[in-house]
Amino acid sequence: MLWVKAFHIVFVASWFAGLFYLPRIYVNLAMVPAGSDAERARLLLMARKLLRFTTMLAVPALLLGLWLWLGYGVGRGAGWLHAKLFVVLLVIGYHHACAVLLRKIEAGTSRRSHTWYRWFNEAPVLLLLAAVVLAVVKPF
């Protein structure tokens, strides 16, 4: 189980690296001056590739986490585990929101400011903090 846990941590860290950087690209896209088509196209390409790569990292992170959960005993978990699973659902929701935002940016229908994207970019930091504290400290 320690190998599973080690690879789970590596994939989760990699997944979060993508979730940290993807909204930063959105900040840059929101700041692209009108008429800078080449810059916008380059940033969109980077965002699409990063979203795809981040999604590929999320899958093994979630599968390995499920393996750990099954090994720990579904339903036997203390309150911290249920809270951590809720945080995982929030992270999946955030990942989905990133994909929706990218589609809106590509379609030109996003009216969000670079400031909004900067605040949006802070959410995965708080989610990671919550998940780590719940998994390590097990406060309840």
N, C-alpha and C. Protein backbone atom coordinates (compact mmCIF):
# COMPACT_ATOMS: atom_id res chain seq x y z
N MET A 1 0.81 -1.21 0.00
CA MET A 1 0.00 0.00 0.00
C MET A 1 0.86 1.26 0.00
N LEU A 2 2.08 1.17 0.50
CA LEU A 2 2.93 2.37 0.52
C LEU A 2 3.30 2.81 -0.90
N TRP A 3 3.46 1.86 -1.83
CA TRP A 3 3.74 2.23 -3.22
C TRP A 3 2.54 2.95 -3.82
N VAL A 4 1.37 2.46 -3.53
CA VAL A 4 0.14 3.10 -4.03
C VAL A 4 0.05 4.52 -3.47
N LYS A 5 0.30 4.65 -2.18
CA LYS A 5 0.24 5.97 -1.55
C LYS A 5 1.29 6.92 -2.15
N ALA A 6 2.49 6.42 -2.39
CA ALA A 6 3.56 7.26 -2.96
C ALA A 6 3.17 7.76 -4.35
N PHE A 7 2.68 6.85 -5.19
CA PHE A 7 2.29 7.27 -6.54
C PHE A 7 1.06 8.18 -6.51
N HIS A 8 0.16 7.93 -5.57
CA HIS A 8 -1.00 8.81 -5.41
C HIS A 8 -0.53 10.24 -5.11
N ILE A 9 0.40 10.37 -4.19
CA ILE A 9 0.91 11.70 -3.83
C ILE A 9 1.58 12.38 -5.02
N VAL A 10 2.37 11.63 -5.79
CA VAL A 10 3.05 12.20 -6.97
C VAL A 10 2.02 12.70 -7.99
N PHE A 11 1.01 11.89 -8.27
CA PHE A 11 0.01 12.29 -9.26
C PHE A 11 -0.86 13.44 -8.76
N VAL A 12 -1.18 13.45 -7.48
CA VAL A 12 -1.95 14.57 -6.92
C VAL A 12 -1.14 15.86 -7.01
N ALA A 13 0.13 15.80 -6.65
CA ALA A 13 0.99 16.99 -6.72
C ALA A 13 1.08 17.49 -8.16
N SER A 14 1.21 16.58 -9.10
CA SER A 14 1.29 16.96 -10.52
C SER A 14 -0.03 17.55 -11.01
N TRP A 15 -1.12 16.95 -10.60
CA TRP A 15 -2.45 17.45 -10.96
C TRP A 15 -2.63 18.88 -10.45
N PHE A 16 -2.25 19.09 -9.20
CA PHE A 16 -2.38 20.43 -8.63
C PHE A 16 -1.46 21.43 -9.30
N ALA A 17 -0.30 21.00 -9.73
CA ALA A 17 0.59 21.93 -10.45
C ALA A 17 -0.13 22.48 -11.67
N GLY A 18 -0.83 21.62 -12.38
CA GLY A 18 -1.61 22.08 -13.53
C GLY A 18 -2.74 23.00 -13.12
N LEU A 19 -3.41 22.67 -12.01
CA LEU A 19 -4.52 23.51 -11.54
C LEU A 19 -4.03 24.86 -11.01
N PHE A 20 -2.78 24.91 -10.57
CA PHE A 20 -2.21 26.19 -10.14
C PHE A 20 -1.90 27.07 -11.35
N TYR A 21 -1.42 26.47 -12.43
CA TYR A 21 -0.93 27.27 -13.55
C TYR A 21 -2.00 27.60 -14.60
N LEU A 22 -2.96 26.71 -14.79
CA LEU A 22 -3.97 26.93 -15.83
C LEU A 22 -4.73 28.25 -15.66
N PRO A 23 -5.24 28.57 -14.47
CA PRO A 23 -5.92 29.86 -14.32
C PRO A 23 -4.98 31.06 -14.51
N ARG A 24 -3.69 30.84 -14.30
CA ARG A 24 -2.72 31.92 -14.55
C ARG A 24 -2.68 32.23 -16.04
N ILE A 25 -2.84 31.22 -16.88
CA ILE A 25 -2.93 31.47 -18.32
C ILE A 25 -4.20 32.26 -18.62
N TYR A 26 -5.28 31.96 -17.89
CA TYR A 26 -6.53 32.72 -18.08
C TYR A 26 -6.34 34.19 -17.72
N VAL A 27 -5.56 34.45 -16.67
CA VAL A 27 -5.25 35.84 -16.32
C VAL A 27 -4.58 36.52 -17.51
N ASN A 28 -3.59 35.85 -18.08
CA ASN A 28 -2.88 36.42 -19.23
C ASN A 28 -3.80 36.60 -20.43
N LEU A 29 -4.70 35.65 -20.66
CA LEU A 29 -5.65 35.77 -21.76
C LEU A 29 -6.58 36.97 -21.57
N ALA A 30 -7.00 37.20 -20.33
CA ALA A 30 -7.88 38.33 -20.04
C ALA A 30 -7.17 39.67 -20.24
N MET A 31 -5.84 39.64 -20.24
CA MET A 31 -5.07 40.88 -20.39
C MET A 31 -4.55 41.10 -21.81
N VAL A 32 -4.84 40.18 -22.73
CA VAL A 32 -4.36 40.32 -24.10
C VAL A 32 -5.06 41.51 -24.75
N PRO A 33 -4.29 42.43 -25.30
CA PRO A 33 -4.89 43.59 -25.95
C PRO A 33 -5.65 43.18 -27.22
N ALA A 34 -6.67 43.92 -27.54
CA ALA A 34 -7.43 43.66 -28.76
C ALA A 34 -6.50 43.72 -29.97
N GLY A 35 -6.67 42.78 -30.87
CA GLY A 35 -5.85 42.74 -32.07
C GLY A 35 -4.59 41.90 -31.94
N SER A 36 -4.29 41.42 -30.76
CA SER A 36 -3.11 40.57 -30.56
C SER A 36 -3.49 39.11 -30.76
N ASP A 37 -3.85 38.80 -32.00
CA ASP A 37 -4.37 37.47 -32.31
C ASP A 37 -3.34 36.37 -32.10
N ALA A 38 -2.08 36.63 -32.45
CA ALA A 38 -1.04 35.61 -32.30
C ALA A 38 -0.81 35.29 -30.82
N GLU A 39 -0.78 36.31 -29.99
CA GLU A 39 -0.58 36.09 -28.55
C GLU A 39 -1.75 35.31 -27.97
N ARG A 40 -2.97 35.70 -28.35
CA ARG A 40 -4.16 35.01 -27.86
C ARG A 40 -4.16 33.55 -28.31
N ALA A 41 -3.83 33.31 -29.57
CA ALA A 41 -3.80 31.94 -30.09
C ALA A 41 -2.75 31.09 -29.36
N ARG A 42 -1.59 31.66 -29.10
CA ARG A 42 -0.53 30.93 -28.39
C ARG A 42 -0.96 30.58 -26.97
N LEU A 43 -1.59 31.53 -26.27
CA LEU A 43 -2.05 31.28 -24.90
C LEU A 43 -3.18 30.25 -24.88
N LEU A 44 -4.08 30.31 -25.86
CA LEU A 44 -5.15 29.32 -25.93
C LEU A 44 -4.59 27.92 -26.18
N LEU A 45 -3.59 27.83 -27.04
CA LEU A 45 -2.96 26.55 -27.30
C LEU A 45 -2.31 26.00 -26.02
N MET A 46 -1.62 26.87 -25.31
CA MET A 46 -1.00 26.45 -24.04
C MET A 46 -2.07 25.98 -23.05
N ALA A 47 -3.17 26.71 -22.96
CA ALA A 47 -4.23 26.37 -22.01
C ALA A 47 -4.87 25.03 -22.38
N ARG A 48 -5.15 24.82 -23.67
CA ARG A 48 -5.75 23.55 -24.10
C ARG A 48 -4.83 22.38 -23.78
N LYS A 49 -3.55 22.53 -24.09
CA LYS A 49 -2.60 21.45 -23.83
C LYS A 49 -2.44 21.19 -22.33
N LEU A 50 -2.38 22.25 -21.55
CA LEU A 50 -2.23 22.09 -20.10
C LEU A 50 -3.48 21.44 -19.50
N LEU A 51 -4.67 21.84 -19.95
CA LEU A 51 -5.89 21.22 -19.45
C LEU A 51 -5.92 19.73 -19.78
N ARG A 52 -5.54 19.38 -21.00
CA ARG A 52 -5.50 17.97 -21.40
C ARG A 52 -4.50 17.20 -20.53
N PHE A 53 -3.32 17.75 -20.36
CA PHE A 53 -2.29 17.09 -19.56
C PHE A 53 -2.71 16.97 -18.10
N THR A 54 -3.31 18.03 -17.56
CA THR A 54 -3.76 18.03 -16.18
C THR A 54 -4.86 16.98 -15.97
N THR A 55 -5.72 16.84 -16.96
CA THR A 55 -6.77 15.83 -16.87
C THR A 55 -6.16 14.43 -16.88
N MET A 56 -5.14 14.22 -17.69
CA MET A 56 -4.47 12.91 -17.72
C MET A 56 -3.78 12.61 -16.39
N LEU A 57 -3.35 13.63 -15.67
CA LEU A 57 -2.74 13.42 -14.35
C LEU A 57 -3.79 13.17 -13.28
N ALA A 58 -4.97 13.77 -13.46
CA ALA A 58 -6.05 13.61 -12.47
C ALA A 58 -6.56 12.18 -12.42
N VAL A 59 -6.61 11.53 -13.58
CA VAL A 59 -7.18 10.18 -13.64
C VAL A 59 -6.41 9.19 -12.75
N PRO A 60 -5.09 9.04 -12.90
CA PRO A 60 -4.41 8.11 -12.00
C PRO A 60 -4.43 8.58 -10.54
N ALA A 61 -4.42 9.89 -10.31
CA ALA A 61 -4.50 10.39 -8.93
C ALA A 61 -5.80 9.91 -8.29
N LEU A 62 -6.89 10.03 -9.01
CA LEU A 62 -8.19 9.61 -8.48
C LEU A 62 -8.30 8.09 -8.36
N LEU A 63 -7.78 7.37 -9.35
CA LEU A 63 -7.83 5.90 -9.29
C LEU A 63 -6.99 5.36 -8.14
N LEU A 64 -5.81 5.92 -7.95
CA LEU A 64 -4.96 5.49 -6.84
C LEU A 64 -5.59 5.87 -5.50
N GLY A 65 -6.24 7.03 -5.45
CA GLY A 65 -6.95 7.42 -4.24
C GLY A 65 -8.10 6.47 -3.93
N LEU A 66 -8.81 6.04 -4.98
CA LEU A 66 -9.88 5.06 -4.80
C LEU A 66 -9.32 3.74 -4.29
N TRP A 67 -8.18 3.34 -4.83
CA TRP A 67 -7.51 2.12 -4.39
C TRP A 67 -7.18 2.21 -2.89
N LEU A 68 -6.64 3.36 -2.48
CA LEU A 68 -6.33 3.56 -1.06
C LEU A 68 -7.59 3.52 -0.21
N TRP A 69 -8.65 4.15 -0.70
CA TRP A 69 -9.91 4.19 0.03
C TRP A 69 -10.47 2.78 0.20
N LEU A 70 -10.43 2.00 -0.87
CA LEU A 70 -10.91 0.62 -0.80
C LEU A 70 -10.03 -0.21 0.14
N GLY A 71 -8.72 0.03 0.11
CA GLY A 71 -7.80 -0.68 1.00
C GLY A 71 -8.00 -0.29 2.45
N TYR A 72 -8.37 0.97 2.67
CA TYR A 72 -8.59 1.44 4.04
C TYR A 72 -9.89 0.86 4.59
N GLY A 73 -10.85 0.67 3.71
CA GLY A 73 -12.14 0.13 4.13
C GLY A 73 -13.23 1.16 3.94
N VAL A 74 -13.97 1.03 2.87
CA VAL A 74 -15.06 1.96 2.58
C VAL A 74 -16.06 1.93 3.73
N GLY A 75 -16.43 3.08 4.22
CA GLY A 75 -17.40 3.17 5.30
C GLY A 75 -16.79 3.09 6.69
N ARG A 76 -15.53 2.62 6.78
CA ARG A 76 -14.87 2.52 8.07
C ARG A 76 -14.15 3.82 8.43
N GLY A 77 -14.04 4.70 7.48
CA GLY A 77 -13.26 5.92 7.67
C GLY A 77 -13.83 6.82 8.75
N ALA A 78 -12.96 7.51 9.40
CA ALA A 78 -13.37 8.50 10.39
C ALA A 78 -13.86 9.75 9.67
N GLY A 79 -14.25 10.72 10.44
CA GLY A 79 -14.78 11.96 9.88
C GLY A 79 -13.81 12.67 8.95
N TRP A 80 -12.52 12.58 9.25
CA TRP A 80 -11.52 13.27 8.42
C TRP A 80 -11.56 12.74 7.00
N LEU A 81 -11.77 11.43 6.84
CA LEU A 81 -11.78 10.84 5.51
C LEU A 81 -12.98 11.31 4.71
N HIS A 82 -14.13 11.37 5.36
CA HIS A 82 -15.32 11.86 4.67
C HIS A 82 -15.14 13.32 4.27
N ALA A 83 -14.54 14.10 5.14
CA ALA A 83 -14.28 15.51 4.82
C ALA A 83 -13.29 15.61 3.66
N LYS A 84 -12.26 14.76 3.65
CA LYS A 84 -11.28 14.79 2.56
C LYS A 84 -11.93 14.39 1.24
N LEU A 85 -12.81 13.41 1.27
CA LEU A 85 -13.52 13.02 0.05
C LEU A 85 -14.37 14.17 -0.48
N PHE A 86 -14.94 14.96 0.43
CA PHE A 86 -15.69 16.14 0.01
C PHE A 86 -14.76 17.15 -0.66
N VAL A 87 -13.57 17.33 -0.10
CA VAL A 87 -12.58 18.23 -0.71
C VAL A 87 -12.20 17.72 -2.10
N VAL A 88 -12.05 16.41 -2.24
CA VAL A 88 -11.73 15.83 -3.55
C VAL A 88 -12.84 16.16 -4.56
N LEU A 89 -14.10 16.07 -4.13
CA LEU A 89 -15.21 16.44 -5.02
C LEU A 89 -15.12 17.91 -5.41
N LEU A 90 -14.73 18.76 -4.47
CA LEU A 90 -14.57 20.18 -4.79
C LEU A 90 -13.44 20.40 -5.80
N VAL A 91 -12.35 19.64 -5.67
CA VAL A 91 -11.24 19.75 -6.62
C VAL A 91 -11.68 19.30 -8.01
N ILE A 92 -12.44 18.22 -8.08
CA ILE A 92 -12.96 17.77 -9.37
C ILE A 92 -13.87 18.85 -9.96
N GLY A 93 -14.69 19.46 -9.13
CA GLY A 93 -15.54 20.56 -9.58
C GLY A 93 -14.74 21.75 -10.09
N TYR A 94 -13.66 22.07 -9.39
CA TYR A 94 -12.79 23.16 -9.82
C TYR A 94 -12.15 22.84 -11.17
N HIS A 95 -11.70 21.61 -11.32
CA HIS A 95 -11.09 21.17 -12.58
C HIS A 95 -12.12 21.32 -13.71
N HIS A 96 -13.34 20.89 -13.45
CA HIS A 96 -14.41 21.03 -14.45
C HIS A 96 -14.67 22.51 -14.76
N ALA A 97 -14.68 23.34 -13.73
CA ALA A 97 -14.89 24.78 -13.93
C ALA A 97 -13.79 25.37 -14.82
N CYS A 98 -12.56 24.89 -14.65
CA CYS A 98 -11.46 25.35 -15.51
C CYS A 98 -11.74 25.00 -16.97
N ALA A 99 -12.27 23.81 -17.21
CA ALA A 99 -12.59 23.39 -18.58
C ALA A 99 -13.71 24.24 -19.16
N VAL A 100 -14.73 24.51 -18.36
CA VAL A 100 -15.85 25.35 -18.82
C VAL A 100 -15.36 26.76 -19.14
N LEU A 101 -14.53 27.31 -18.26
CA LEU A 101 -13.99 28.65 -18.49
C LEU A 101 -13.16 28.71 -19.77
N LEU A 102 -12.38 27.68 -20.03
CA LEU A 102 -11.57 27.66 -21.24
C LEU A 102 -12.46 27.65 -22.47
N ARG A 103 -13.53 26.87 -22.45
CA ARG A 103 -14.46 26.86 -23.59
C ARG A 103 -15.07 28.24 -23.80
N LYS A 104 -15.42 28.92 -22.72
CA LYS A 104 -15.99 30.27 -22.83
C LYS A 104 -14.97 31.27 -23.36
N ILE A 105 -13.73 31.15 -22.90
CA ILE A 105 -12.67 32.04 -23.38
C ILE A 105 -12.45 31.81 -24.87
N GLU A 106 -12.39 30.55 -25.29
CA GLU A 106 -12.19 30.23 -26.70
C GLU A 106 -13.32 30.77 -27.56
N ALA A 107 -14.55 30.68 -27.04
CA ALA A 107 -15.71 31.16 -27.79
C ALA A 107 -15.86 32.68 -27.75
N GLY A 108 -15.08 33.32 -26.88
CA GLY A 108 -15.16 34.78 -26.76
C GLY A 108 -16.36 35.23 -25.94
N THR A 109 -16.94 34.33 -25.14
CA THR A 109 -18.11 34.69 -24.34
C THR A 109 -17.80 34.96 -22.88
N SER A 110 -16.54 34.80 -22.49
CA SER A 110 -16.17 35.07 -21.11
C SER A 110 -15.99 36.57 -20.92
N ARG A 111 -16.64 37.09 -19.91
CA ARG A 111 -16.53 38.52 -19.60
C ARG A 111 -15.82 38.74 -18.27
N ARG A 112 -15.09 37.74 -17.84
CA ARG A 112 -14.37 37.83 -16.56
C ARG A 112 -13.12 38.70 -16.73
N SER A 113 -12.80 39.41 -15.66
CA SER A 113 -11.61 40.27 -15.69
C SER A 113 -10.39 39.47 -15.24
N HIS A 114 -9.22 40.04 -15.50
CA HIS A 114 -7.99 39.38 -15.04
C HIS A 114 -7.96 39.32 -13.51
N THR A 115 -8.58 40.28 -12.84
CA THR A 115 -8.64 40.27 -11.38
C THR A 115 -9.47 39.10 -10.88
N TRP A 116 -10.60 38.83 -11.56
CA TRP A 116 -11.43 37.69 -11.16
C TRP A 116 -10.65 36.39 -11.31
N TYR A 117 -9.92 36.25 -12.42
CA TYR A 117 -9.13 35.04 -12.63
C TYR A 117 -8.01 34.92 -11.59
N ARG A 118 -7.47 36.04 -11.16
CA ARG A 118 -6.44 35.98 -10.11
C ARG A 118 -7.02 35.41 -8.81
N TRP A 119 -8.23 35.82 -8.46
CA TRP A 119 -8.88 35.29 -7.26
C TRP A 119 -9.26 33.83 -7.46
N PHE A 120 -9.76 33.50 -8.65
CA PHE A 120 -10.11 32.11 -8.98
C PHE A 120 -8.89 31.21 -8.84
N ASN A 121 -7.73 31.74 -9.16
CA ASN A 121 -6.47 31.01 -9.11
C ASN A 121 -6.06 30.63 -7.69
N GLU A 122 -6.64 31.27 -6.70
CA GLU A 122 -6.27 30.98 -5.30
C GLU A 122 -7.00 29.76 -4.74
N ALA A 123 -8.11 29.36 -5.33
CA ALA A 123 -8.92 28.26 -4.80
C ALA A 123 -8.15 26.94 -4.66
N PRO A 124 -7.36 26.52 -5.67
CA PRO A 124 -6.68 25.23 -5.48
C PRO A 124 -5.67 25.23 -4.34
N VAL A 125 -5.12 26.38 -4.01
CA VAL A 125 -4.20 26.44 -2.87
C VAL A 125 -4.95 26.09 -1.58
N LEU A 126 -6.14 26.66 -1.44
CA LEU A 126 -6.94 26.39 -0.24
C LEU A 126 -7.43 24.94 -0.21
N LEU A 127 -7.79 24.41 -1.37
CA LEU A 127 -8.24 23.03 -1.44
C LEU A 127 -7.11 22.06 -1.10
N LEU A 128 -5.91 22.33 -1.62
CA LEU A 128 -4.77 21.47 -1.31
C LEU A 128 -4.44 21.55 0.18
N LEU A 129 -4.47 22.73 0.73
CA LEU A 129 -4.21 22.90 2.17
C LEU A 129 -5.21 22.08 2.98
N ALA A 130 -6.48 22.17 2.64
CA ALA A 130 -7.51 21.41 3.37
C ALA A 130 -7.27 19.91 3.24
N ALA A 131 -6.98 19.44 2.04
CA ALA A 131 -6.78 18.00 1.83
C ALA A 131 -5.57 17.48 2.61
N VAL A 132 -4.49 18.23 2.59
CA VAL A 132 -3.27 17.79 3.29
C VAL A 132 -3.49 17.79 4.80
N VAL A 133 -4.10 18.83 5.32
CA VAL A 133 -4.35 18.89 6.76
C VAL A 133 -5.26 17.73 7.18
N LEU A 134 -6.30 17.47 6.40
CA LEU A 134 -7.21 16.39 6.74
C LEU A 134 -6.51 15.03 6.70
N ALA A 135 -5.64 14.82 5.69
CA ALA A 135 -4.98 13.52 5.54
C ALA A 135 -3.85 13.31 6.54
N VAL A 136 -3.16 14.38 6.90
CA VAL A 136 -2.00 14.24 7.78
C VAL A 136 -2.39 14.39 9.26
N VAL A 137 -3.12 15.45 9.57
CA VAL A 137 -3.46 15.74 10.96
C VAL A 137 -4.64 14.87 11.43
N LYS A 138 -5.56 14.57 10.52
CA LYS A 138 -6.77 13.79 10.86
C LYS A 138 -7.45 14.40 12.09
N PRO A 139 -7.92 15.66 11.95
CA PRO A 139 -8.41 16.39 13.12
C PRO A 139 -9.70 15.82 13.76
N PHE A 140 -10.40 14.96 13.03
CA PHE A 140 -11.61 14.36 13.62
C PHE A 140 -11.91 13.03 12.97
